[in-house]
Amino acid sequence: MTKPKVLILVAGAALLFLIPKLLSAQITDKNSIVAKGAQVEKLGDGYSFTEGPAVDREGNVYFTDQPNNRIHKWSASTGKVSLFTDQAGRANGMYFDQKGNLVAAADMDNQLWSFDQAGKPTVLVKDYQGKKLNGPNDLWIAPSGAMYLTDPLYKRDYWTRNPERQQDGEHLYYLSPDRKKFYPVDTTLVKPNGIVGTPDGKKLYVADIEANKTYVYTINKDGSLTGKKLFADMGSDGMTLDQQGNVYLTGKGVTVFDKEGRQIAHIPIQENWTANVVFGGKDRSTLFITAMGSVYGLKMKVKGI
């Protein structure tokens, strides 16, 4: 007769032990940007390391399984995941251009690639001044068609040629709309990583992940950057924006800042590291999150750009 009582006490103690952990893992949302009652939902798993989510015109989300050299497609209409290509150039960050091509930071040979809708790649950038890039990581494409690319150095075990850094630093680069000019536009960053710009093409956010800072720049008509300012005392692996101008940074879950740089939300993810985010779905109201071996979704009140 005593065993059930012991079990009840033990179960109660275990529940009390778990309560602080459960509470600490709750979503914080000061500005009510998350849909009422929404919870983070796992959309897929079994990958090695997911990265680079990019959304097309229909709201489908393409993401990479970088170590396995694959790009997958999550369907906005069915919620199912299919293989887009298994020759992805070890793509990391990605973004769709105005023509519907998927542009990717192809880490395998330190290049910038563009995939057509059939998955056929074209190399857009193979080096800078005849020297290999460190390892293109993330990119953003402006309304003008110009591209901004972060190029940190993360040594890979699959680099068999030129494993050491050839560039004089880890820089932020600019590629002109006609693809004829490619050069660094900020050489002062320690390790640039996540990047996103505003839909009007006037502001650019860039994370310096090693310095644990995120900066905002003014984009000039010629593509140059001025007015660099500290936006947040936090680095980021990847980032996105919503229509209110809120900025979503990644790392330990997803941390959201308003356009003035004030933290307004935090979305915990059970994985050790959250790599990147984008808004997807037909109405762009699902926050799509890549984290370690899984991908997640969260229904939002706000919509992505």
C-alpha atoms as a PDB file:
ATOM      1  CA  MET A   1       0.000   0.000   0.000  1.00  0.00           C
ATOM      2  CA  THR A   2       2.964   2.353   0.474  1.00  0.00           C
ATOM      3  CA  LYS A   3       4.326   2.078  -3.079  1.00  0.00           C
ATOM      4  CA  PRO A   4       1.655   4.224  -4.757  1.00  0.00           C
ATOM      5  CA  LYS A   5       2.252   6.988  -2.176  1.00  0.00           C
ATOM      6  CA  VAL A   6       5.984   6.907  -2.835  1.00  0.00           C
ATOM      7  CA  LEU A   7       5.393   7.053  -6.570  1.00  0.00           C
ATOM      8  CA  ILE A   8       3.052  10.003  -6.187  1.00  0.00           C
ATOM      9  CA  LEU A   9       5.617  11.878  -4.096  1.00  0.00           C
ATOM     10  CA  VAL A  10       8.394  11.136  -6.560  1.00  0.00           C
ATOM     11  CA  ALA A  11       6.248  12.181  -9.501  1.00  0.00           C
ATOM     12  CA  GLY A  12       5.307  15.372  -7.682  1.00  0.00           C
ATOM     13  CA  ALA A  13       8.922  16.134  -6.933  1.00  0.00           C
ATOM     14  CA  ALA A  14       9.846  15.519 -10.555  1.00  0.00           C
ATOM     15  CA  LEU A  15       7.070  17.846 -11.705  1.00  0.00           C
ATOM     16  CA  LEU A  16       8.240  20.580  -9.347  1.00  0.00           C
ATOM     17  CA  PHE A  17      11.767  20.102 -10.643  1.00  0.00           C
ATOM     18  CA  LEU A  18      10.623  20.491 -14.242  1.00  0.00           C
ATOM     19  CA  ILE A  19       8.400  23.534 -13.757  1.00  0.00           C
ATOM     20  CA  PRO A  20      11.241  26.124 -13.710  1.00  0.00           C
ATOM     21  CA  LYS A  21      12.683  24.632 -16.902  1.00  0.00           C
ATOM     22  CA  LEU A  22       9.333  24.694 -18.655  1.00  0.00           C
ATOM     23  CA  LEU A  23       8.710  28.281 -17.601  1.00  0.00           C
ATOM     24  CA  SER A  24      12.169  29.403 -18.705  1.00  0.00           C
ATOM     25  CA  ALA A  25      11.535  27.899 -22.132  1.00  0.00           C
ATOM     26  CA  GLN A  26       8.357  29.866 -22.770  1.00  0.00           C
ATOM     27  CA  ILE A  27       8.106  32.414 -25.570  1.00  0.00           C
ATOM     28  CA  THR A  28       8.418  36.015 -24.374  1.00  0.00           C
ATOM     29  CA  ASP A  29       6.493  38.434 -26.579  1.00  0.00           C
ATOM     30  CA  LYS A  30       6.145  42.038 -25.393  1.00  0.00           C
ATOM     31  CA  ASN A  31       4.588  43.368 -28.615  1.00  0.00           C
ATOM     32  CA  SER A  32       2.256  40.442 -29.399  1.00  0.00           C
ATOM     33  CA  ILE A  33       3.945  39.505 -32.659  1.00  0.00           C
ATOM     34  CA  VAL A  34       3.323  35.763 -32.192  1.00  0.00           C
ATOM     35  CA  ALA A  35      -0.124  34.422 -33.122  1.00  0.00           C
ATOM     36  CA  LYS A  36      -2.304  33.797 -30.085  1.00  0.00           C
ATOM     37  CA  GLY A  37      -1.740  30.331 -28.648  1.00  0.00           C
ATOM     38  CA  ALA A  38       0.904  29.448 -31.244  1.00  0.00           C
ATOM     39  CA  GLN A  39       3.708  27.081 -30.321  1.00  0.00           C
ATOM     40  CA  VAL A  40       6.905  26.147 -32.100  1.00  0.00           C
ATOM     41  CA  GLU A  41       6.218  23.142 -34.325  1.00  0.00           C
ATOM     42  CA  LYS A  42       8.791  20.762 -35.761  1.00  0.00           C
ATOM     43  CA  LEU A  43       8.369  20.617 -39.544  1.00  0.00           C
ATOM     44  CA  GLY A  44      11.134  18.133 -40.279  1.00  0.00           C
ATOM     45  CA  ASP A  45      14.182  16.442 -38.788  1.00  0.00           C
ATOM     46  CA  GLY A  46      16.871  13.869 -39.513  1.00  0.00           C
ATOM     47  CA  TYR A  47      19.246  16.347 -41.164  1.00  0.00           C
ATOM     48  CA  SER A  48      22.882  16.943 -40.222  1.00  0.00           C
ATOM     49  CA  PHE A  49      22.861  20.752 -40.029  1.00  0.00           C
ATOM     50  CA  THR A  50      20.148  22.949 -41.510  1.00  0.00           C
ATOM     51  CA  GLU A  51      20.837  26.464 -42.775  1.00  0.00           C
ATOM     52  CA  GLY A  52      20.061  29.164 -45.320  1.00  0.00           C
ATOM     53  CA  PRO A  53      16.235  29.288 -45.494  1.00  0.00           C
ATOM     54  CA  ALA A  54      14.995  31.334 -48.458  1.00  0.00           C
ATOM     55  CA  VAL A  55      11.406  31.940 -49.558  1.00  0.00           C
ATOM     56  CA  ASP A  56      10.171  32.054 -53.156  1.00  0.00           C
ATOM     57  CA  ARG A  57       7.214  33.988 -54.600  1.00  0.00           C
ATOM     58  CA  GLU A  58       4.752  31.226 -53.664  1.00  0.00           C
ATOM     59  CA  GLY A  59       5.913  31.081 -50.057  1.00  0.00           C
ATOM     60  CA  ASN A  60       7.822  27.804 -50.436  1.00  0.00           C
ATOM     61  CA  VAL A  61      10.938  27.679 -48.274  1.00  0.00           C
ATOM     62  CA  TYR A  62      14.235  26.256 -49.524  1.00  0.00           C
ATOM     63  CA  PHE A  63      16.824  25.285 -46.915  1.00  0.00           C
ATOM     64  CA  THR A  64      20.168  23.542 -46.904  1.00  0.00           C
ATOM     65  CA  ASP A  65      21.453  20.435 -45.182  1.00  0.00           C
ATOM     66  CA  GLN A  66      24.970  21.717 -45.545  1.00  0.00           C
ATOM     67  CA  PRO A  67      27.143  18.747 -44.496  1.00  0.00           C
ATOM     68  CA  ASN A  68      25.143  16.485 -46.827  1.00  0.00           C
ATOM     69  CA  ASN A  69      25.460  18.945 -49.742  1.00  0.00           C
ATOM     70  CA  ARG A  70      21.703  19.194 -50.288  1.00  0.00           C
ATOM     71  CA  ILE A  71      19.040  21.840 -50.700  1.00  0.00           C
ATOM     72  CA  HIS A  72      15.512  20.854 -49.703  1.00  0.00           C
ATOM     73  CA  LYS A  73      12.173  22.506 -50.464  1.00  0.00           C
ATOM     74  CA  TRP A  74       9.349  22.862 -47.957  1.00  0.00           C
ATOM     75  CA  SER A  75       6.022  23.230 -49.758  1.00  0.00           C
ATOM     76  CA  ALA A  76       3.735  26.025 -48.568  1.00  0.00           C
ATOM     77  CA  SER A  77       0.710  24.200 -49.955  1.00  0.00           C
ATOM     78  CA  THR A  78       1.335  20.700 -48.593  1.00  0.00           C
ATOM     79  CA  GLY A  79       3.818  21.187 -45.756  1.00  0.00           C
ATOM     80  CA  LYS A  80       5.930  18.380 -47.222  1.00  0.00           C
ATOM     81  CA  VAL A  81       9.671  18.486 -47.823  1.00  0.00           C
ATOM     82  CA  SER A  82      11.273  17.377 -51.083  1.00  0.00           C
ATOM     83  CA  LEU A  83      14.820  17.383 -52.457  1.00  0.00           C
ATOM     84  CA  PHE A  84      15.697  20.319 -54.715  1.00  0.00           C
ATOM     85  CA  THR A  85      19.310  19.339 -55.446  1.00  0.00           C
ATOM     86  CA  ASP A  86      22.022  17.070 -54.042  1.00  0.00           C
ATOM     87  CA  GLN A  87      24.761  19.058 -55.787  1.00  0.00           C
ATOM     88  CA  ALA A  88      24.429  22.214 -53.722  1.00  0.00           C
ATOM     89  CA  GLY A  89      28.049  23.358 -53.490  1.00  0.00           C
ATOM     90  CA  ARG A  90      27.668  22.945 -49.724  1.00  0.00           C
ATOM     91  CA  ALA A  91      25.382  25.963 -49.793  1.00  0.00           C
ATOM     92  CA  ASN A  92      24.949  28.022 -46.666  1.00  0.00           C
ATOM     93  CA  GLY A  93      22.943  31.280 -46.774  1.00  0.00           C
ATOM     94  CA  MET A  94      20.554  31.705 -49.731  1.00  0.00           C
ATOM     95  CA  TYR A  95      18.229  34.309 -51.233  1.00  0.00           C
ATOM     96  CA  PHE A  96      15.967  34.469 -54.281  1.00  0.00           C
ATOM     97  CA  ASP A  97      16.663  37.093 -56.940  1.00  0.00           C
ATOM     98  CA  GLN A  98      14.008  38.949 -58.925  1.00  0.00           C
ATOM     99  CA  LYS A  99      14.127  36.367 -61.734  1.00  0.00           C
ATOM    100  CA  GLY A 100      13.343  33.473 -59.415  1.00  0.00           C
ATOM    101  CA  ASN A 101      16.885  32.105 -59.273  1.00  0.00           C
ATOM    102  CA  LEU A 102      18.126  30.803 -55.933  1.00  0.00           C
ATOM    103  CA  VAL A 103      21.440  32.481 -55.112  1.00  0.00           C
ATOM    104  CA  ALA A 104      23.600  30.632 -52.587  1.00  0.00           C
ATOM    105  CA  ALA A 105      26.786  31.152 -50.626  1.00  0.00           C
ATOM    106  CA  ALA A 106      28.491  27.991 -51.897  1.00  0.00           C
ATOM    107  CA  ASP A 107      31.002  27.108 -49.223  1.00  0.00           C
ATOM    108  CA  MET A 108      32.519  24.050 -50.912  1.00  0.00           C
ATOM    109  CA  ASP A 109      34.815  26.039 -53.225  1.00  0.00           C
ATOM    110  CA  ASN A 110      34.334  29.442 -51.561  1.00  0.00           C
ATOM    111  CA  GLN A 111      32.087  30.780 -54.311  1.00  0.00           C
ATOM    112  CA  LEU A 112      28.720  32.425 -54.967  1.00  0.00           C
ATOM    113  CA  TRP A 113      26.326  30.284 -57.014  1.00  0.00           C
ATOM    114  CA  SER A 114      22.956  30.808 -58.663  1.00  0.00           C
ATOM    115  CA  PHE A 115      20.509  27.925 -59.212  1.00  0.00           C
ATOM    116  CA  ASP A 116      17.810  28.090 -61.863  1.00  0.00           C
ATOM    117  CA  GLN A 117      14.380  26.605 -61.154  1.00  0.00           C
ATOM    118  CA  ALA A 118      15.568  23.194 -62.338  1.00  0.00           C
ATOM    119  CA  GLY A 119      18.474  23.228 -59.872  1.00  0.00           C
ATOM    120  CA  LYS A 120      21.215  23.886 -62.435  1.00  0.00           C
ATOM    121  CA  PRO A 121      23.999  26.003 -60.889  1.00  0.00           C
ATOM    122  CA  THR A 122      25.965  28.899 -62.363  1.00  0.00           C
ATOM    123  CA  VAL A 123      29.002  30.419 -60.640  1.00  0.00           C
ATOM    124  CA  LEU A 124      28.556  34.162 -60.080  1.00  0.00           C
ATOM    125  CA  VAL A 125      31.711  34.842 -58.043  1.00  0.00           C
ATOM    126  CA  LYS A 126      34.724  32.538 -57.809  1.00  0.00           C
ATOM    127  CA  ASP A 127      37.322  34.803 -56.161  1.00  0.00           C
ATOM    128  CA  TYR A 128      38.371  38.349 -55.353  1.00  0.00           C
ATOM    129  CA  GLN A 129      41.440  39.715 -57.126  1.00  0.00           C
ATOM    130  CA  GLY A 130      42.460  36.196 -58.098  1.00  0.00           C
ATOM    131  CA  LYS A 131      42.371  34.869 -54.534  1.00  0.00           C
ATOM    132  CA  LYS A 132      39.801  32.538 -53.035  1.00  0.00           C
ATOM    133  CA  LEU A 133      37.244  33.941 -50.644  1.00  0.00           C
ATOM    134  CA  ASN A 134      37.260  32.644 -47.072  1.00  0.00           C
ATOM    135  CA  GLY A 135      33.921  30.882 -47.340  1.00  0.00           C
ATOM    136  CA  PRO A 136      30.841  32.892 -48.334  1.00  0.00           C
ATOM    137  CA  ASN A 137      28.312  32.528 -45.533  1.00  0.00           C
ATOM    138  CA  ASP A 138      25.188  34.609 -46.052  1.00  0.00           C
ATOM    139  CA  LEU A 139      23.785  37.137 -48.524  1.00  0.00           C
ATOM    140  CA  TRP A 140      21.025  39.605 -49.231  1.00  0.00           C
ATOM    141  CA  ILE A 141      19.808  40.908 -52.603  1.00  0.00           C
ATOM    142  CA  ALA A 142      18.678  44.532 -52.820  1.00  0.00           C
ATOM    143  CA  PRO A 143      15.722  45.681 -54.952  1.00  0.00           C
ATOM    144  CA  SER A 144      18.278  47.030 -57.437  1.00  0.00           C
ATOM    145  CA  GLY A 145      19.641  43.517 -57.943  1.00  0.00           C
ATOM    146  CA  ALA A 146      22.864  44.320 -56.103  1.00  0.00           C
ATOM    147  CA  MET A 147      24.066  41.696 -53.632  1.00  0.00           C
ATOM    148  CA  TYR A 148      25.778  41.961 -50.262  1.00  0.00           C
ATOM    149  CA  LEU A 149      27.775  38.951 -49.097  1.00  0.00           C
ATOM    150  CA  THR A 150      29.432  38.085 -45.780  1.00  0.00           C
ATOM    151  CA  ASP A 151      32.710  36.151 -45.982  1.00  0.00           C
ATOM    152  CA  PRO A 152      33.906  34.865 -42.597  1.00  0.00           C
ATOM    153  CA  LEU A 153      36.468  32.099 -42.199  1.00  0.00           C
ATOM    154  CA  TYR A 154      35.237  28.816 -40.758  1.00  0.00           C
ATOM    155  CA  LYS A 155      37.702  26.088 -41.676  1.00  0.00           C
ATOM    156  CA  ARG A 156      36.043  22.991 -43.125  1.00  0.00           C
ATOM    157  CA  ASP A 157      37.328  19.426 -43.036  1.00  0.00           C
ATOM    158  CA  TYR A 158      36.338  19.014 -46.704  1.00  0.00           C
ATOM    159  CA  TRP A 159      38.677  21.777 -47.872  1.00  0.00           C
ATOM    160  CA  THR A 160      41.556  19.901 -49.486  1.00  0.00           C
ATOM    161  CA  ARG A 161      42.809  22.829 -51.566  1.00  0.00           C
ATOM    162  CA  ASN A 162      43.893  26.212 -50.218  1.00  0.00           C
ATOM    163  CA  PRO A 163      42.713  25.573 -46.646  1.00  0.00           C
ATOM    164  CA  GLU A 164      44.317  28.759 -45.290  1.00  0.00           C
ATOM    165  CA  ARG A 165      42.913  32.237 -45.666  1.00  0.00           C
ATOM    166  CA  GLN A 166      43.961  34.003 -48.864  1.00  0.00           C
ATOM    167  CA  GLN A 167      42.116  37.264 -48.272  1.00  0.00           C
ATOM    168  CA  ASP A 168      43.512  39.910 -45.903  1.00  0.00           C
ATOM    169  CA  GLY A 169      40.524  39.678 -43.587  1.00  0.00           C
ATOM    170  CA  GLU A 170      36.908  38.630 -43.145  1.00  0.00           C
ATOM    171  CA  HIS A 171      34.871  41.208 -45.008  1.00  0.00           C
ATOM    172  CA  LEU A 172      31.468  42.307 -46.230  1.00  0.00           C
ATOM    173  CA  TYR A 173      31.317  42.365 -50.058  1.00  0.00           C
ATOM    174  CA  TYR A 174      29.201  44.050 -52.726  1.00  0.00           C
ATOM    175  CA  LEU A 175      28.296  42.611 -56.128  1.00  0.00           C
ATOM    176  CA  SER A 176      26.856  45.092 -58.631  1.00  0.00           C
ATOM    177  CA  PRO A 177      23.536  44.396 -60.403  1.00  0.00           C
ATOM    178  CA  ASP A 178      25.356  43.791 -63.718  1.00  0.00           C
ATOM    179  CA  ARG A 179      27.680  41.309 -61.915  1.00  0.00           C
ATOM    180  CA  LYS A 180      30.767  43.180 -63.197  1.00  0.00           C
ATOM    181  CA  LYS A 181      31.932  44.784 -59.958  1.00  0.00           C
ATOM    182  CA  PHE A 182      32.748  42.832 -56.824  1.00  0.00           C
ATOM    183  CA  TYR A 183      34.615  44.374 -53.908  1.00  0.00           C
ATOM    184  CA  PRO A 184      34.571  44.746 -50.090  1.00  0.00           C
ATOM    185  CA  VAL A 185      32.395  47.510 -48.638  1.00  0.00           C
ATOM    186  CA  ASP A 186      33.366  47.013 -44.975  1.00  0.00           C
ATOM    187  CA  THR A 187      36.750  45.633 -43.932  1.00  0.00           C
ATOM    188  CA  THR A 188      36.449  46.494 -40.226  1.00  0.00           C
ATOM    189  CA  LEU A 189      34.293  43.564 -39.082  1.00  0.00           C
ATOM    190  CA  VAL A 190      35.818  40.703 -37.087  1.00  0.00           C
ATOM    191  CA  LYS A 191      33.623  37.891 -38.424  1.00  0.00           C
ATOM    192  CA  PRO A 192      30.590  39.036 -40.438  1.00  0.00           C
ATOM    193  CA  ASN A 193      27.815  36.475 -40.658  1.00  0.00           C
ATOM    194  CA  GLY A 194      24.044  37.100 -40.727  1.00  0.00           C
ATOM    195  CA  ILE A 195      22.737  39.773 -43.086  1.00  0.00           C
ATOM    196  CA  VAL A 196      19.429  41.261 -44.248  1.00  0.00           C
ATOM    197  CA  GLY A 197      18.227  44.514 -45.783  1.00  0.00           C
ATOM    198  CA  THR A 198      14.996  46.480 -45.776  1.00  0.00           C
ATOM    199  CA  PRO A 199      12.593  46.015 -48.707  1.00  0.00           C
ATOM    200  CA  ASP A 200      13.036  49.654 -49.773  1.00  0.00           C
ATOM    201  CA  GLY A 201      16.762  49.012 -50.220  1.00  0.00           C
ATOM    202  CA  LYS A 202      17.761  51.806 -47.836  1.00  0.00           C
ATOM    203  CA  LYS A 203      19.107  49.949 -44.796  1.00  0.00           C
ATOM    204  CA  LEU A 204      21.364  46.932 -44.331  1.00  0.00           C
ATOM    205  CA  TYR A 205      21.773  44.928 -41.125  1.00  0.00           C
ATOM    206  CA  VAL A 206      24.959  42.893 -40.667  1.00  0.00           C
ATOM    207  CA  ALA A 207      25.926  40.751 -37.682  1.00  0.00           C
ATOM    208  CA  ASP A 208      29.515  40.517 -36.470  1.00  0.00           C
ATOM    209  CA  ILE A 209      29.124  37.193 -34.708  1.00  0.00           C
ATOM    210  CA  GLU A 210      32.563  37.096 -33.081  1.00  0.00           C
ATOM    211  CA  ALA A 211      32.297  40.662 -31.770  1.00  0.00           C
ATOM    212  CA  ASN A 212      28.743  39.866 -30.593  1.00  0.00           C
ATOM    213  CA  LYS A 213      27.349  42.952 -32.344  1.00  0.00           C
ATOM    214  CA  THR A 214      24.818  43.705 -35.065  1.00  0.00           C
ATOM    215  CA  TYR A 215      25.186  46.906 -37.092  1.00  0.00           C
ATOM    216  CA  VAL A 216      22.894  48.871 -39.367  1.00  0.00           C
ATOM    217  CA  TYR A 217      24.121  50.816 -42.417  1.00  0.00           C
ATOM    218  CA  THR A 218      22.609  53.296 -44.834  1.00  0.00           C
ATOM    219  CA  ILE A 219      22.694  52.010 -48.421  1.00  0.00           C
ATOM    220  CA  ASN A 220      23.551  54.740 -50.918  1.00  0.00           C
ATOM    221  CA  LYS A 221      22.313  54.857 -54.519  1.00  0.00           C
ATOM    222  CA  ASP A 222      25.676  53.615 -55.802  1.00  0.00           C
ATOM    223  CA  GLY A 223      25.549  50.611 -53.437  1.00  0.00           C
ATOM    224  CA  SER A 224      28.119  51.975 -51.009  1.00  0.00           C
ATOM    225  CA  LEU A 225      27.445  51.939 -47.283  1.00  0.00           C
ATOM    226  CA  THR A 226      27.593  54.841 -44.840  1.00  0.00           C
ATOM    227  CA  GLY A 227      26.370  55.727 -41.366  1.00  0.00           C
ATOM    228  CA  LYS A 228      27.332  52.455 -39.720  1.00  0.00           C
ATOM    229  CA  LYS A 229      25.686  52.288 -36.283  1.00  0.00           C
ATOM    230  CA  LEU A 230      25.425  49.717 -33.538  1.00  0.00           C
ATOM    231  CA  PHE A 231      21.951  48.183 -33.671  1.00  0.00           C
ATOM    232  CA  ALA A 232      22.158  45.493 -30.978  1.00  0.00           C
ATOM    233  CA  ASP A 233      24.699  44.058 -28.566  1.00  0.00           C
ATOM    234  CA  MET A 234      24.196  40.608 -30.042  1.00  0.00           C
ATOM    235  CA  GLY A 235      25.713  38.738 -32.957  1.00  0.00           C
ATOM    236  CA  SER A 236      23.729  36.434 -35.199  1.00  0.00           C
ATOM    237  CA  ASP A 237      24.184  33.454 -37.482  1.00  0.00           C
ATOM    238  CA  GLY A 238      21.246  34.474 -39.685  1.00  0.00           C
ATOM    239  CA  MET A 239      18.474  37.039 -39.637  1.00  0.00           C
ATOM    240  CA  THR A 240      15.252  38.262 -41.163  1.00  0.00           C
ATOM    241  CA  LEU A 241      12.771  41.156 -40.973  1.00  0.00           C
ATOM    242  CA  ASP A 242       9.014  41.442 -40.669  1.00  0.00           C
ATOM    243  CA  GLN A 243       6.731  44.096 -42.153  1.00  0.00           C
ATOM    244  CA  GLN A 244       6.876  46.155 -38.961  1.00  0.00           C
ATOM    245  CA  GLY A 245      10.639  46.466 -39.294  1.00  0.00           C
ATOM    246  CA  ASN A 246      11.404  44.086 -36.426  1.00  0.00           C
ATOM    247  CA  VAL A 247      14.741  42.296 -36.751  1.00  0.00           C
ATOM    248  CA  TYR A 248      15.055  38.574 -35.917  1.00  0.00           C
ATOM    249  CA  LEU A 249      18.490  37.373 -34.765  1.00  0.00           C
ATOM    250  CA  THR A 250      19.554  33.782 -34.183  1.00  0.00           C
ATOM    251  CA  GLY A 251      21.888  31.773 -31.968  1.00  0.00           C
ATOM    252  CA  LYS A 252      20.276  30.631 -28.727  1.00  0.00           C
ATOM    253  CA  GLY A 253      16.763  30.478 -30.095  1.00  0.00           C
ATOM    254  CA  VAL A 254      15.428  33.532 -31.952  1.00  0.00           C
ATOM    255  CA  THR A 255      15.670  36.994 -30.405  1.00  0.00           C
ATOM    256  CA  VAL A 256      13.542  39.803 -31.845  1.00  0.00           C
ATOM    257  CA  PHE A 257      14.340  43.528 -31.734  1.00  0.00           C
ATOM    258  CA  ASP A 258      12.142  46.396 -32.862  1.00  0.00           C
ATOM    259  CA  LYS A 259      13.529  48.842 -35.425  1.00  0.00           C
ATOM    260  CA  GLU A 260      14.915  51.015 -32.619  1.00  0.00           C
ATOM    261  CA  GLY A 261      17.025  48.118 -31.319  1.00  0.00           C
ATOM    262  CA  ARG A 262      14.891  47.260 -28.271  1.00  0.00           C
ATOM    263  CA  GLN A 263      14.405  43.556 -27.540  1.00  0.00           C
ATOM    264  CA  ILE A 264      10.702  42.688 -27.777  1.00  0.00           C
ATOM    265  CA  ALA A 265      10.593  38.894 -27.982  1.00  0.00           C
ATOM    266  CA  HIS A 266      12.525  35.682 -27.537  1.00  0.00           C
ATOM    267  CA  ILE A 267      11.577  32.347 -29.061  1.00  0.00           C
ATOM    268  CA  PRO A 268      13.394  29.412 -27.441  1.00  0.00           C
ATOM    269  CA  ILE A 269      14.245  26.375 -29.561  1.00  0.00           C
ATOM    270  CA  GLN A 270      15.112  23.030 -27.994  1.00  0.00           C
ATOM    271  CA  GLU A 271      18.203  22.588 -30.185  1.00  0.00           C
ATOM    272  CA  ASN A 272      21.606  23.856 -29.019  1.00  0.00           C
ATOM    273  CA  TRP A 273      21.886  26.345 -31.873  1.00  0.00           C
ATOM    274  CA  THR A 274      19.480  28.202 -34.138  1.00  0.00           C
ATOM    275  CA  ALA A 275      21.175  28.946 -37.448  1.00  0.00           C
ATOM    276  CA  ASN A 276      18.766  31.001 -39.530  1.00  0.00           C
ATOM    277  CA  VAL A 277      15.204  32.243 -40.040  1.00  0.00           C
ATOM    278  CA  VAL A 278      12.826  33.415 -42.760  1.00  0.00           C
ATOM    279  CA  PHE A 279       9.102  34.087 -43.077  1.00  0.00           C
ATOM    280  CA  GLY A 280       7.363  31.582 -45.355  1.00  0.00           C
ATOM    281  CA  GLY A 281       3.990  30.136 -46.200  1.00  0.00           C
ATOM    282  CA  LYS A 282       1.425  31.476 -48.643  1.00  0.00           C
ATOM    283  CA  ASP A 283       0.735  34.574 -46.553  1.00  0.00           C
ATOM    284  CA  ARG A 284       4.311  34.886 -45.188  1.00  0.00           C
ATOM    285  CA  SER A 285       3.071  34.549 -41.616  1.00  0.00           C
ATOM    286  CA  THR A 286       4.995  31.422 -40.593  1.00  0.00           C
ATOM    287  CA  LEU A 287       8.417  31.964 -39.080  1.00  0.00           C
ATOM    288  CA  PHE A 288      10.582  29.179 -40.518  1.00  0.00           C
ATOM    289  CA  ILE A 289      13.552  28.297 -38.294  1.00  0.00           C
ATOM    290  CA  THR A 290      16.561  26.112 -39.102  1.00  0.00           C
ATOM    291  CA  ALA A 291      18.243  24.628 -36.026  1.00  0.00           C
ATOM    292  CA  MET A 292      20.859  21.879 -36.008  1.00  0.00           C
ATOM    293  CA  GLY A 293      19.276  18.733 -37.481  1.00  0.00           C
ATOM    294  CA  SER A 294      15.730  20.063 -37.645  1.00  0.00           C
ATOM    295  CA  VAL A 295      13.475  22.732 -39.101  1.00  0.00           C
ATOM    296  CA  TYR A 296      10.698  24.438 -37.142  1.00  0.00           C
ATOM    297  CA  GLY A 297       7.742  26.707 -37.776  1.00  0.00           C
ATOM    298  CA  LEU A 298       5.887  29.224 -35.647  1.00  0.00           C
ATOM    299  CA  LYS A 299       2.655  30.983 -36.630  1.00  0.00           C
ATOM    300  CA  MET A 300       3.009  34.758 -36.302  1.00  0.00           C
ATOM    301  CA  LYS A 301       0.662  37.752 -36.155  1.00  0.00           C
ATOM    302  CA  VAL A 302       3.135  39.769 -38.226  1.00  0.00           C
ATOM    303  CA  LYS A 303       4.192  38.892 -41.764  1.00  0.00           C
ATOM    304  CA  GLY A 304       7.593  38.756 -43.348  1.00  0.00           C
ATOM    305  CA  ILE A 305       8.904  40.975 -46.104  1.00  0.00           C
END
